[in-house]
């Protein structure tokens, strides 16, 4: 009998990545417009967790490629968090009532 060869970690990680893209796409596109602002806030929190994970991964890696990919992951997640908070703030400002000016009739 032949022994089964173990599946490569690259194949497993790529499969998880593709499934995450698929699930994320369907989750985001089925959300009603009224829930987009809370969804953005949660997404920003998740991205902040991704930054911590990317920093840990970059710190524990010994190869230059690993370090480079870790730094790139931290930078992209930071841009995502910053941009997400800006978009969320703009969306929340749309729901605020506009103050009437004291001199206007």
PDB file of N, CA and C in Angstrom:
ATOM      1  N   UNK A   1       0.830  -1.182   0.000  1.00  0.00           N
ATOM      2  CA  UNK A   1       0.000   0.000   0.000  1.00  0.00           C
ATOM      3  C   UNK A   1       0.877   1.248   0.000  1.00  0.00           C
ATOM      4  N   UNK A   2       0.388   2.232  -0.710  1.00  0.00           N
ATOM      5  CA  UNK A   2       1.113   3.497  -0.734  1.00  0.00           C
ATOM      6  C   UNK A   2       0.627   4.378   0.412  1.00  0.00           C
ATOM      7  N   UNK A   3       1.561   5.070   0.986  1.00  0.00           N
ATOM      8  CA  UNK A   3       1.197   6.018   2.031  1.00  0.00           C
ATOM      9  C   UNK A   3       0.708   7.310   1.381  1.00  0.00           C
ATOM     10  N   UNK A   4      -0.278   7.908   1.980  1.00  0.00           N
ATOM     11  CA  UNK A   4      -0.793   9.176   1.465  1.00  0.00           C
ATOM     12  C   UNK A   4       0.187  10.299   1.783  1.00  0.00           C
ATOM     13  N   UNK A   5       0.416  11.118   0.793  1.00  0.00           N
ATOM     14  CA  UNK A   5       1.313  12.247   1.012  1.00  0.00           C
ATOM     15  C   UNK A   5       0.547  13.372   1.684  1.00  0.00           C
ATOM     16  N   UNK A   6       1.169  14.040   2.633  1.00  0.00           N
ATOM     17  CA  UNK A   6       0.473  15.148   3.297  1.00  0.00           C
ATOM     18  C   UNK A   6       0.260  16.310   2.312  1.00  0.00           C
ATOM     19  N   UNK A   7      -0.799  17.029   2.546  1.00  0.00           N
ATOM     20  CA  UNK A   7      -1.119  18.172   1.694  1.00  0.00           C
ATOM     21  C   UNK A   7      -0.205  19.334   2.083  1.00  0.00           C
ATOM     22  N   UNK A   8       0.276  20.027   1.079  1.00  0.00           N
ATOM     23  CA  UNK A   8       1.175  21.150   1.309  1.00  0.00           C
ATOM     24  C   UNK A   8       0.471  22.266   2.084  1.00  0.00           C
ATOM     25  N   UNK A   9       1.220  22.931   2.957  1.00  0.00           N
ATOM     26  CA  UNK A   9       0.669  24.058   3.712  1.00  0.00           C
ATOM     27  C   UNK A   9       0.269  25.195   2.783  1.00  0.00           C
ATOM     28  N   UNK A  10       0.962  25.337   1.673  1.00  0.00           N
ATOM     29  CA  UNK A  10       0.632  26.390   0.711  1.00  0.00           C
ATOM     30  C   UNK A  10      -0.757  26.144   0.134  1.00  0.00           C
ATOM     31  N   UNK A  11      -1.061  24.909  -0.190  1.00  0.00           N
ATOM     32  CA  UNK A  11      -2.378  24.565  -0.746  1.00  0.00           C
ATOM     33  C   UNK A  11      -3.472  24.818   0.293  1.00  0.00           C
ATOM     34  N   UNK A  12      -3.227  24.438   1.528  1.00  0.00           N
ATOM     35  CA  UNK A  12      -4.207  24.662   2.597  1.00  0.00           C
ATOM     36  C   UNK A  12      -4.437  26.150   2.805  1.00  0.00           C
ATOM     37  N   UNK A  13      -3.355  26.917   2.908  1.00  0.00           N
ATOM     38  CA  UNK A  13      -3.492  28.362   3.121  1.00  0.00           C
ATOM     39  C   UNK A  13      -4.170  29.047   1.944  1.00  0.00           C
ATOM     40  N   UNK A  14      -3.849  28.635   0.732  1.00  0.00           N
ATOM     41  CA  UNK A  14      -4.490  29.209  -0.448  1.00  0.00           C
ATOM     42  C   UNK A  14      -5.981  28.871  -0.479  1.00  0.00           C
ATOM     43  N   UNK A  15      -6.330  27.671  -0.094  1.00  0.00           N
ATOM     44  CA  UNK A  15      -7.742  27.271  -0.043  1.00  0.00           C
ATOM     45  C   UNK A  15      -8.509  28.112   0.973  1.00  0.00           C
ATOM     46  N   UNK A  16      -7.928  28.316   2.147  1.00  0.00           N
ATOM     47  CA  UNK A  16      -8.558  29.145   3.171  1.00  0.00           C
ATOM     48  C   UNK A  16      -8.715  30.573   2.678  1.00  0.00           C
ATOM     49  N   UNK A  17      -7.711  31.097   1.996  1.00  0.00           N
ATOM     50  CA  UNK A  17      -7.756  32.456   1.463  1.00  0.00           C
ATOM     51  C   UNK A  17      -8.876  32.608   0.444  1.00  0.00           C
ATOM     52  N   UNK A  18      -8.990  31.659  -0.469  1.00  0.00           N
ATOM     53  CA  UNK A  18     -10.036  31.717  -1.497  1.00  0.00           C
ATOM     54  C   UNK A  18     -11.419  31.605  -0.860  1.00  0.00           C
ATOM     55  N   UNK A  19     -11.585  30.709   0.103  1.00  0.00           N
ATOM     56  CA  UNK A  19     -12.869  30.589   0.793  1.00  0.00           C
ATOM     57  C   UNK A  19     -13.212  31.858   1.569  1.00  0.00           C
ATOM     58  N   UNK A  20     -12.221  32.502   2.185  1.00  0.00           N
ATOM     59  CA  UNK A  20     -12.459  33.752   2.909  1.00  0.00           C
ATOM     60  C   UNK A  20     -12.922  34.855   1.964  1.00  0.00           C
ATOM     61  N   UNK A  21     -12.330  34.908   0.779  1.00  0.00           N
ATOM     62  CA  UNK A  21     -12.759  35.894  -0.216  1.00  0.00           C
ATOM     63  C   UNK A  21     -14.204  35.625  -0.616  1.00  0.00           C
ATOM     64  N   UNK A  22     -14.530  34.381  -0.886  1.00  0.00           N
ATOM     65  CA  UNK A  22     -15.884  34.013  -1.310  1.00  0.00           C
ATOM     66  C   UNK A  22     -16.912  34.359  -0.235  1.00  0.00           C
ATOM     67  N   UNK A  23     -16.652  33.944   0.995  1.00  0.00           N
ATOM     68  CA  UNK A  23     -17.593  34.211   2.088  1.00  0.00           C
ATOM     69  C   UNK A  23     -17.695  35.709   2.349  1.00  0.00           C
ATOM     70  N   UNK A  24     -16.558  36.412   2.367  1.00  0.00           N
ATOM     71  CA  UNK A  24     -16.580  37.857   2.595  1.00  0.00           C
ATOM     72  C   UNK A  24     -17.374  38.596   1.540  1.00  0.00           C
ATOM     73  N   UNK A  25     -17.215  38.215   0.294  1.00  0.00           N
ATOM     74  CA  UNK A  25     -17.958  38.852  -0.795  1.00  0.00           C
ATOM     75  C   UNK A  25     -19.460  38.684  -0.591  1.00  0.00           C
ATOM     76  N   UNK A  26     -19.887  37.481  -0.303  1.00  0.00           N
ATOM     77  CA  UNK A  26     -21.316  37.228  -0.141  1.00  0.00           C
ATOM     78  C   UNK A  26     -21.873  37.858   1.129  1.00  0.00           C
ATOM     79  N   UNK A  27     -21.100  37.932   2.179  1.00  0.00           N
ATOM     80  CA  UNK A  27     -21.569  38.569   3.411  1.00  0.00           C
ATOM     81  C   UNK A  27     -21.753  40.071   3.196  1.00  0.00           C
ATOM     82  N   UNK A  28     -20.799  40.718   2.565  1.00  0.00           N
ATOM     83  CA  UNK A  28     -20.866  42.165   2.389  1.00  0.00           C
ATOM     84  C   UNK A  28     -21.970  42.555   1.409  1.00  0.00           C
ATOM     85  N   UNK A  29     -22.131  41.832   0.329  1.00  0.00           N
ATOM     86  CA  UNK A  29     -23.115  42.227  -0.675  1.00  0.00           C
ATOM     87  C   UNK A  29     -24.546  41.892  -0.295  1.00  0.00           C
ATOM     88  N   UNK A  30     -24.770  41.094   0.753  1.00  0.00           N
ATOM     89  CA  UNK A  30     -26.138  40.808   1.179  1.00  0.00           C
ATOM     90  C   UNK A  30     -26.581  41.684   2.342  1.00  0.00           C
ATOM     91  N   UNK A  31     -25.746  42.591   2.786  1.00  0.00           N
ATOM     92  CA  UNK A  31     -26.097  43.482   3.893  1.00  0.00           C
ATOM     93  C   UNK A  31     -26.969  44.617   3.360  1.00  0.00           C
ATOM     94  N   UNK A  32     -28.022  44.935   4.099  1.00  0.00           N
ATOM     95  CA  UNK A  32     -28.883  46.048   3.696  1.00  0.00           C
ATOM     96  C   UNK A  32     -28.133  47.361   3.883  1.00  0.00           C
ATOM     97  N   UNK A  33     -28.469  48.392   3.097  1.00  0.00           N
ATOM     98  CA  UNK A  33     -27.738  49.668   3.194  1.00  0.00           C
ATOM     99  C   UNK A  33     -27.752  50.291   4.586  1.00  0.00           C
ATOM    100  N   UNK A  34     -28.809  50.073   5.370  1.00  0.00           N
ATOM    101  CA  UNK A  34     -28.873  50.656   6.710  1.00  0.00           C
ATOM    102  C   UNK A  34     -27.825  50.076   7.653  1.00  0.00           C
ATOM    103  N   UNK A  35     -27.322  48.903   7.342  1.00  0.00           N
ATOM    104  CA  UNK A  35     -26.351  48.251   8.223  1.00  0.00           C
ATOM    105  C   UNK A  35     -24.900  48.441   7.786  1.00  0.00           C
ATOM    106  N   UNK A  36     -24.676  49.203   6.730  1.00  0.00           N
ATOM    107  CA  UNK A  36     -23.311  49.355   6.244  1.00  0.00           C
ATOM    108  C   UNK A  36     -22.414  50.099   7.233  1.00  0.00           C
ATOM    109  N   UNK A  37     -22.938  51.108   7.918  1.00  0.00           N
ATOM    110  CA  UNK A  37     -22.112  51.850   8.878  1.00  0.00           C
ATOM    111  C   UNK A  37     -21.669  50.967  10.036  1.00  0.00           C
ATOM    112  N   UNK A  38     -22.581  50.207  10.691  1.00  0.00           N
ATOM    113  CA  UNK A  38     -22.094  49.296  11.738  1.00  0.00           C
ATOM    114  C   UNK A  38     -21.147  48.235  11.197  1.00  0.00           C
ATOM    115  N   UNK A  39     -21.393  47.770   9.982  1.00  0.00           N
ATOM    116  CA  UNK A  39     -20.510  46.771   9.381  1.00  0.00           C
ATOM    117  C   UNK A  39     -19.110  47.353   9.179  1.00  0.00           C
ATOM    118  N   UNK A  40     -19.038  48.612   8.756  1.00  0.00           N
ATOM    119  CA  UNK A  40     -17.735  49.258   8.584  1.00  0.00           C
ATOM    120  C   UNK A  40     -17.002  49.360   9.915  1.00  0.00           C
ATOM    121  N   UNK A  41     -17.731  49.684  10.988  1.00  0.00           N
ATOM    122  CA  UNK A  41     -17.091  49.800  12.298  1.00  0.00           C
ATOM    123  C   UNK A  41     -16.519  48.456  12.744  1.00  0.00           C
ATOM    124  N   UNK A  42     -17.256  47.382  12.524  1.00  0.00           N
ATOM    125  CA  UNK A  42     -16.768  46.053  12.896  1.00  0.00           C
ATOM    126  C   UNK A  42     -15.584  45.662  12.019  1.00  0.00           C
ATOM    127  N   UNK A  43     -15.655  46.009  10.733  1.00  0.00           N
ATOM    128  CA  UNK A  43     -14.550  45.702   9.825  1.00  0.00           C
ATOM    129  C   UNK A  43     -13.280  46.414  10.260  1.00  0.00           C
ATOM    130  N   UNK A  44     -13.408  47.649  10.734  1.00  0.00           N
ATOM    131  CA  UNK A  44     -12.239  48.375  11.224  1.00  0.00           C
ATOM    132  C   UNK A  44     -11.643  47.691  12.443  1.00  0.00           C
ATOM    133  N   UNK A  45     -12.485  47.185  13.318  1.00  0.00           N
ATOM    134  CA  UNK A  45     -11.981  46.479  14.496  1.00  0.00           C
ATOM    135  C   UNK A  45     -11.249  45.198  14.086  1.00  0.00           C
ATOM    136  N   UNK A  46     -11.798  44.477  13.119  1.00  0.00           N
ATOM    137  CA  UNK A  46     -11.149  43.257  12.637  1.00  0.00           C
ATOM    138  C   UNK A  46      -9.807  43.594  11.991  1.00  0.00           C
ATOM    139  N   UNK A  47      -9.772  44.687  11.230  1.00  0.00           N
ATOM    140  CA  UNK A  47      -8.515  45.088  10.593  1.00  0.00           C
ATOM    141  C   UNK A  47      -7.467  45.457  11.633  1.00  0.00           C
ATOM    142  N   UNK A  48      -7.898  46.029  12.740  1.00  0.00           N
ATOM    143  CA  UNK A  48      -6.951  46.353  13.811  1.00  0.00           C
ATOM    144  C   UNK A  48      -6.362  45.063  14.392  1.00  0.00           C
ATOM    145  N   UNK A  49      -7.174  44.026  14.506  1.00  0.00           N
ATOM    146  CA  UNK A  49      -6.675  42.736  14.979  1.00  0.00           C
ATOM    147  C   UNK A  49      -5.697  42.148  13.960  1.00  0.00           C
ATOM    148  N   UNK A  50      -5.983  42.354  12.672  1.00  0.00           N
ATOM    149  CA  UNK A  50      -5.091  41.879  11.613  1.00  0.00           C
ATOM    150  C   UNK A  50      -3.719  42.549  11.738  1.00  0.00           C
ATOM    151  N   UNK A  51      -3.700  43.825  12.108  1.00  0.00           N
ATOM    152  CA  UNK A  51      -2.427  44.528  12.281  1.00  0.00           C
ATOM    153  C   UNK A  51      -1.600  43.853  13.376  1.00  0.00           C
ATOM    154  N   UNK A  52      -2.244  43.525  14.484  1.00  0.00           N
ATOM    155  CA  UNK A  52      -1.520  42.863  15.575  1.00  0.00           C
ATOM    156  C   UNK A  52      -0.978  41.511  15.109  1.00  0.00           C
ATOM    157  N   UNK A  53      -1.798  40.739  14.410  1.00  0.00           N
ATOM    158  CA  UNK A  53      -1.347  39.444  13.894  1.00  0.00           C
ATOM    159  C   UNK A  53      -0.212  39.581  12.897  1.00  0.00           C
ATOM    160  N   UNK A  54      -0.300  40.600  12.033  1.00  0.00           N
ATOM    161  CA  UNK A  54       0.760  40.822  11.045  1.00  0.00           C
ATOM    162  C   UNK A  54       2.063  41.221  11.731  1.00  0.00           C
ATOM    163  N   UNK A  55       1.981  42.022  12.779  1.00  0.00           N
ATOM    164  CA  UNK A  55       3.195  42.401  13.512  1.00  0.00           C
ATOM    165  C   UNK A  55       3.828  41.182  14.174  1.00  0.00           C
ATOM    166  N   UNK A  56       2.990  40.328  14.752  1.00  0.00           N
ATOM    167  CA  UNK A  56       3.527  39.111  15.369  1.00  0.00           C
ATOM    168  C   UNK A  56       4.152  38.197  14.324  1.00  0.00           C
ATOM    169  N   UNK A  57       3.485  38.045  13.191  1.00  0.00           N
ATOM    170  CA  UNK A  57       4.019  37.185  12.128  1.00  0.00           C
ATOM    171  C   UNK A  57       5.334  37.739  11.588  1.00  0.00           C
ATOM    172  N   UNK A  58       5.414  39.054  11.416  1.00  0.00           N
ATOM    173  CA  UNK A  58       6.641  39.665  10.910  1.00  0.00           C
ATOM    174  C   UNK A  58       7.777  39.524  11.924  1.00  0.00           C
ATOM    175  N   UNK A  59       7.447  39.621  13.199  1.00  0.00           N
ATOM    176  CA  UNK A  59       8.475  39.530  14.231  1.00  0.00           C
ATOM    177  C   UNK A  59       9.016  38.106  14.367  1.00  0.00           C
ATOM    178  N   UNK A  60       8.170  37.112  14.147  1.00  0.00           N
ATOM    179  CA  UNK A  60       8.581  35.725  14.341  1.00  0.00           C
ATOM    180  C   UNK A  60       9.198  35.096  13.098  1.00  0.00           C
ATOM    181  N   UNK A  61       9.182  35.800  11.984  1.00  0.00           N
ATOM    182  CA  UNK A  61       9.715  35.262  10.737  1.00  0.00           C
ATOM    183  C   UNK A  61      11.216  35.482  10.675  1.00  0.00           C
ATOM    184  N   UNK A  62      11.926  34.522  10.093  1.00  0.00           N
ATOM    185  CA  UNK A  62      13.375  34.641  10.010  1.00  0.00           C
ATOM    186  C   UNK A  62      13.860  34.960   8.596  1.00  0.00           C
ATOM    187  N   UNK A  63      13.036  34.718   7.596  1.00  0.00           N
ATOM    188  CA  UNK A  63      13.467  34.962   6.222  1.00  0.00           C
ATOM    189  C   UNK A  63      13.182  36.398   5.806  1.00  0.00           C
ATOM    190  N   UNK A  64      13.987  36.948   4.927  1.00  0.00           N
ATOM    191  CA  UNK A  64      13.733  38.315   4.452  1.00  0.00           C
ATOM    192  C   UNK A  64      12.393  38.445   3.727  1.00  0.00           C
ATOM    193  N   UNK A  65      11.992  37.417   2.975  1.00  0.00           N
ATOM    194  CA  UNK A  65      10.695  37.472   2.300  1.00  0.00           C
ATOM    195  C   UNK A  65       9.564  37.529   3.321  1.00  0.00           C
ATOM    196  N   UNK A  66       9.671  36.748   4.369  1.00  0.00           N
ATOM    197  CA  UNK A  66       8.658  36.751   5.427  1.00  0.00           C
ATOM    198  C   UNK A  66       8.557  38.102   6.108  1.00  0.00           C
ATOM    199  N   UNK A  67       9.719  38.696   6.403  1.00  0.00           N
ATOM    200  CA  UNK A  67       9.729  40.020   7.030  1.00  0.00           C
ATOM    201  C   UNK A  67       9.095  41.057   6.109  1.00  0.00           C
ATOM    202  N   UNK A  68       9.434  40.989   4.817  1.00  0.00           N
ATOM    203  CA  UNK A  68       8.883  41.936   3.848  1.00  0.00           C
ATOM    204  C   UNK A  68       7.374  41.782   3.741  1.00  0.00           C
ATOM    205  N   UNK A  69       6.904  40.552   3.654  1.00  0.00           N
ATOM    206  CA  UNK A  69       5.467  40.320   3.564  1.00  0.00           C
ATOM    207  C   UNK A  69       4.757  40.760   4.847  1.00  0.00           C
ATOM    208  N   UNK A  70       5.390  40.572   5.999  1.00  0.00           N
ATOM    209  CA  UNK A  70       4.812  41.022   7.265  1.00  0.00           C
ATOM    210  C   UNK A  70       4.686  42.527   7.333  1.00  0.00           C
ATOM    211  N   UNK A  71       5.739  43.221   6.907  1.00  0.00           N
ATOM    212  CA  UNK A  71       5.698  44.688   6.896  1.00  0.00           C
ATOM    213  C   UNK A  71       4.637  45.178   5.910  1.00  0.00           C
ATOM    214  N   UNK A  72       4.540  44.530   4.764  1.00  0.00           N
ATOM    215  CA  UNK A  72       3.524  44.888   3.773  1.00  0.00           C
ATOM    216  C   UNK A  72       2.120  44.654   4.340  1.00  0.00           C
ATOM    217  N   UNK A  73       1.929  43.559   5.051  1.00  0.00           N
ATOM    218  CA  UNK A  73       0.627  43.273   5.661  1.00  0.00           C
ATOM    219  C   UNK A  73       0.267  44.323   6.706  1.00  0.00           C
ATOM    220  N   UNK A  74       1.237  44.726   7.516  1.00  0.00           N
ATOM    221  CA  UNK A  74       0.987  45.769   8.516  1.00  0.00           C
ATOM    222  C   UNK A  74       0.618  47.080   7.830  1.00  0.00           C
ATOM    223  N   UNK A  75       1.348  47.451   6.787  1.00  0.00           N
ATOM    224  CA  UNK A  75       1.076  48.715   6.087  1.00  0.00           C
ATOM    225  C   UNK A  75      -0.303  48.698   5.432  1.00  0.00           C
ATOM    226  N   UNK A  76      -0.650  47.618   4.750  1.00  0.00           N
ATOM    227  CA  UNK A  76      -1.954  47.556   4.090  1.00  0.00           C
ATOM    228  C   UNK A  76      -3.104  47.534   5.089  1.00  0.00           C
ATOM    229  N   UNK A  77      -2.945  46.824   6.183  1.00  0.00           N
ATOM    230  CA  UNK A  77      -3.996  46.796   7.202  1.00  0.00           C
ATOM    231  C   UNK A  77      -4.144  48.168   7.865  1.00  0.00           C
ATOM    232  N   UNK A  78      -3.024  48.881   8.062  1.00  0.00           N
ATOM    233  CA  UNK A  78      -3.094  50.222   8.648  1.00  0.00           C
ATOM    234  C   UNK A  78      -3.824  51.181   7.714  1.00  0.00           C
ATOM    235  N   UNK A  79      -3.549  51.102   6.425  1.00  0.00           N
ATOM    236  CA  UNK A  79      -4.261  51.937   5.451  1.00  0.00           C
ATOM    237  C   UNK A  79      -5.745  51.589   5.465  1.00  0.00           C
ATOM    238  N   UNK A  80      -6.058  50.318   5.565  1.00  0.00           N
ATOM    239  CA  UNK A  80      -7.454  49.877   5.603  1.00  0.00           C
ATOM    240  C   UNK A  80      -8.178  50.431   6.832  1.00  0.00           C
ATOM    241  N   UNK A  81      -7.543  50.374   7.991  1.00  0.00           N
ATOM    242  CA  UNK A  81      -8.161  50.885   9.217  1.00  0.00           C
ATOM    243  C   UNK A  81      -8.365  52.389   9.117  1.00  0.00           C
ATOM    244  N   UNK A  82      -7.331  53.107   8.704  1.00  0.00           N
ATOM    245  CA  UNK A  82      -7.416  54.565   8.610  1.00  0.00           C
ATOM    246  C   UNK A  82      -8.494  54.981   7.618  1.00  0.00           C
ATOM    247  N   UNK A  83      -8.494  54.387   6.437  1.00  0.00           N
ATOM    248  CA  UNK A  83      -9.504  54.714   5.435  1.00  0.00           C
ATOM    249  C   UNK A  83     -10.898  54.320   5.883  1.00  0.00           C
ATOM    250  N   UNK A  84     -11.009  53.191   6.561  1.00  0.00           N
ATOM    251  CA  UNK A  84     -12.314  52.754   7.055  1.00  0.00           C
ATOM    252  C   UNK A  84     -12.895  53.709   8.070  1.00  0.00           C
ATOM    253  N   UNK A  85     -12.053  54.217   8.971  1.00  0.00           N
ATOM    254  CA  UNK A  85     -12.550  55.174   9.951  1.00  0.00           C
ATOM    255  C   UNK A  85     -12.949  56.490   9.286  1.00  0.00           C
ATOM    256  N   UNK A  86     -12.225  56.912   8.270  1.00  0.00           N
ATOM    257  CA  UNK A  86     -12.611  58.127   7.547  1.00  0.00           C
ATOM    258  C   UNK A  86     -13.958  57.951   6.850  1.00  0.00           C
ATOM    259  N   UNK A  87     -14.144  56.825   6.197  1.00  0.00           N
ATOM    260  CA  UNK A  87     -15.406  56.567   5.501  1.00  0.00           C
ATOM    261  C   UNK A  87     -16.550  56.452   6.498  1.00  0.00           C
ATOM    262  N   UNK A  88     -16.322  55.768   7.610  1.00  0.00           N
ATOM    263  CA  UNK A  88     -17.363  55.629   8.626  1.00  0.00           C
ATOM    264  C   UNK A  88     -17.752  56.988   9.190  1.00  0.00           C
ATOM    265  N   UNK A  89     -16.771  57.845   9.444  1.00  0.00           N
ATOM    266  CA  UNK A  89     -17.066  59.183   9.960  1.00  0.00           C
ATOM    267  C   UNK A  89     -17.903  59.984   8.971  1.00  0.00           C
ATOM    268  N   UNK A  90     -17.542  59.910   7.698  1.00  0.00           N
ATOM    269  CA  UNK A  90     -18.313  60.626   6.679  1.00  0.00           C
ATOM    270  C   UNK A  90     -19.735  60.090   6.579  1.00  0.00           C
ATOM    271  N   UNK A  91     -19.881  58.773   6.700  1.00  0.00           N
ATOM    272  CA  UNK A  91     -21.218  58.185   6.629  1.00  0.00           C
ATOM    273  C   UNK A  91     -22.059  58.612   7.831  1.00  0.00           C
ATOM    274  N   UNK A  92     -21.461  58.658   9.006  1.00  0.00           N
ATOM    275  CA  UNK A  92     -22.206  59.073  10.199  1.00  0.00           C
ATOM    276  C   UNK A  92     -22.587  60.545  10.131  1.00  0.00           C
ATOM    277  N   UNK A  93     -21.753  61.377   9.520  1.00  0.00           N
ATOM    278  CA  UNK A  93     -22.072  62.793   9.380  1.00  0.00           C
ATOM    279  C   UNK A  93     -23.276  63.002   8.474  1.00  0.00           C
ATOM    280  N   UNK A  94     -23.527  62.100   7.554  1.00  0.00           N
ATOM    281  CA  UNK A  94     -24.694  62.219   6.677  1.00  0.00           C
ATOM    282  C   UNK A  94     -25.997  62.070   7.458  1.00  0.00           C
ATOM    283  N   UNK A  95     -25.968  61.359   8.585  1.00  0.00           N
ATOM    284  CA  UNK A  95     -27.183  61.134   9.363  1.00  0.00           C
ATOM    285  C   UNK A  95     -27.433  62.210  10.414  1.00  0.00           C
ATOM    286  N   UNK A  96     -26.480  63.114  10.634  1.00  0.00           N
ATOM    287  CA  UNK A  96     -26.655  64.174  11.617  1.00  0.00           C
ATOM    288  C   UNK A  96     -27.585  65.241  11.060  1.00  0.00           C
ATOM    289  N   UNK A  97     -28.371  65.827  11.972  1.00  0.00           N
ATOM    290  CA  UNK A  97     -29.231  66.943  11.573  1.00  0.00           C
ATOM    291  C   UNK A  97     -28.362  68.175  11.418  1.00  0.00           C
ATOM    292  N   UNK A  98     -28.661  68.949  10.406  1.00  0.00           N
ATOM    293  CA  UNK A  98     -27.896  70.169  10.167  1.00  0.00           C
ATOM    294  C   UNK A  98     -28.447  71.269  11.075  1.00  0.00           C
ATOM    295  N   UNK A  99     -27.542  71.988  11.748  1.00  0.00           N
ATOM    296  CA  UNK A  99     -27.930  73.084  12.616  1.00  0.00           C
ATOM    297  C   UNK A  99     -28.334  74.289  11.777  1.00  0.00           C
ATOM    298  N   UNK A 100     -29.414  74.942  12.190  1.00  0.00           N
ATOM    299  CA  UNK A 100     -29.806  76.166  11.508  1.00  0.00           C
ATOM    300  C   UNK A 100     -28.957  77.303  12.019  1.00  0.00           C
ATOM    301  N   UNK A 101     -28.558  78.156  11.123  1.00  0.00           N
ATOM    302  CA  UNK A 101     -27.745  79.306  11.519  1.00  0.00           C
ATOM    303  C   UNK A 101     -28.624  80.303  12.270  1.00  0.00           C
ATOM    304  N   UNK A 102     -28.044  80.984  13.240  1.00  0.00           N
ATOM    305  CA  UNK A 102     -28.796  81.906  14.085  1.00  0.00           C
ATOM    306  C   UNK A 102     -29.366  83.076  13.274  1.00  0.00           C
ATOM    307  N   UNK A 103     -28.661  83.581  12.282  1.00  0.00           N
ATOM    308  CA  UNK A 103     -29.095  84.736  11.519  1.00  0.00           C
ATOM    309  C   UNK A 103     -29.990  84.393  10.344  1.00  0.00           C
ATOM    310  N   UNK A 104     -30.078  83.142   9.961  1.00  0.00           N
ATOM    311  CA  UNK A 104     -30.868  82.756   8.787  1.00  0.00           C
ATOM    312  C   UNK A 104     -32.341  82.644   9.144  1.00  0.00           C
ATOM    313  N   UNK A 105     -33.201  82.987   8.181  1.00  0.00           N
ATOM    314  CA  UNK A 105     -34.650  82.903   8.417  1.00  0.00           C
ATOM    315  C   UNK A 105     -35.249  81.801   7.607  1.00  0.00           C
TER     316      UNK A 105
END
